[in-house]
């Protein structure tokens, strides 16, 4: 078992016991209005996603960053939790709530709770933890525990039921993180990159190079294909290197259309970024692909990330498949 799978073993067995037991201490009768002078409304992050995909790790990361974390809080109580935070005289300025299928009898209330938060002008973000079926099956089998929704069926039946239940929430998520191939340290690094800053940026972008032969990144918001450019793999002296090498990068950008593509795609992203800001979307993952994720996509991602940074967009660069050959 990998270290990440070991972390998920802890999650499957103990996910509801290792953080603030907020669900047991919040009264459903509380009717505090954050706008009645009680104080600043806390920031709110809702952590959800597939069972076994890393919710515990994500929540613990936020806890280490000073967030007040409440695990498995019924969705109907989320507005109450925020209102109580507003009464805390600034002691609870940032709240993270883990919502999952263990509270499925309350899950239908989530939509109403999100609408309630919107009427109260609460800034909320949804982080969705995703993973492949194969990875999830392996994690549940390694701890010999059933999936929360499998009933008398198989683990894959529970996973399919959960995906169906969470499909709408995934579509509403501000940040989707695919943990299929991440270890615990890599997942924490992703959370740190998004939430560790003292001030929340207007927009954060993750630029990810990848190889199409290894599959599309499931957490990508935008996907672009660099396979229209000649492949350095077929140049013997360039084949051993990657797109991080100056000779490879020069070869890629000497090809017809490469520089024009970079310029025009950057302009398009500026337009999209402006729309994301207007809509309150704070995170975007831009996937740049080529055949193997070694040469063209890496070189293009490097240049694209640098361009976005000069436009004031805080950018994280990830080369997903470099080194897999």
Foldseek 3Di string as FASTA:
>chain_A
DFQQLVVLLCCVVPVQPDADQVQVPFDPPDDAQLPPPLADQAAEEEEEAFRSLQSSLLQVLVVVLPAREHEQHQLSCVVVVRRVLSNPHPNHRYYYYYHYCVNVVRVVCNVVSVVVCVVSVHHYAYEYGYEDPVQRLVSCVVNVDAQPQQVPHHNSNSRVVRCVVCVVVVVVHLFYDYCHPPGSVRVSVVSCLQPVDPDHALAAEEEEEFAPVVPDDPRAPAEDEPQVFDDCCPVVVPNVAFQVDPVLLVNRCVTPPRVVCLVVVLVVVVVVSVVCSVVSRHYHYYYYYYHQLGGNRQSSSVVNQVSVVVVVHHYHYYSPRHPVD
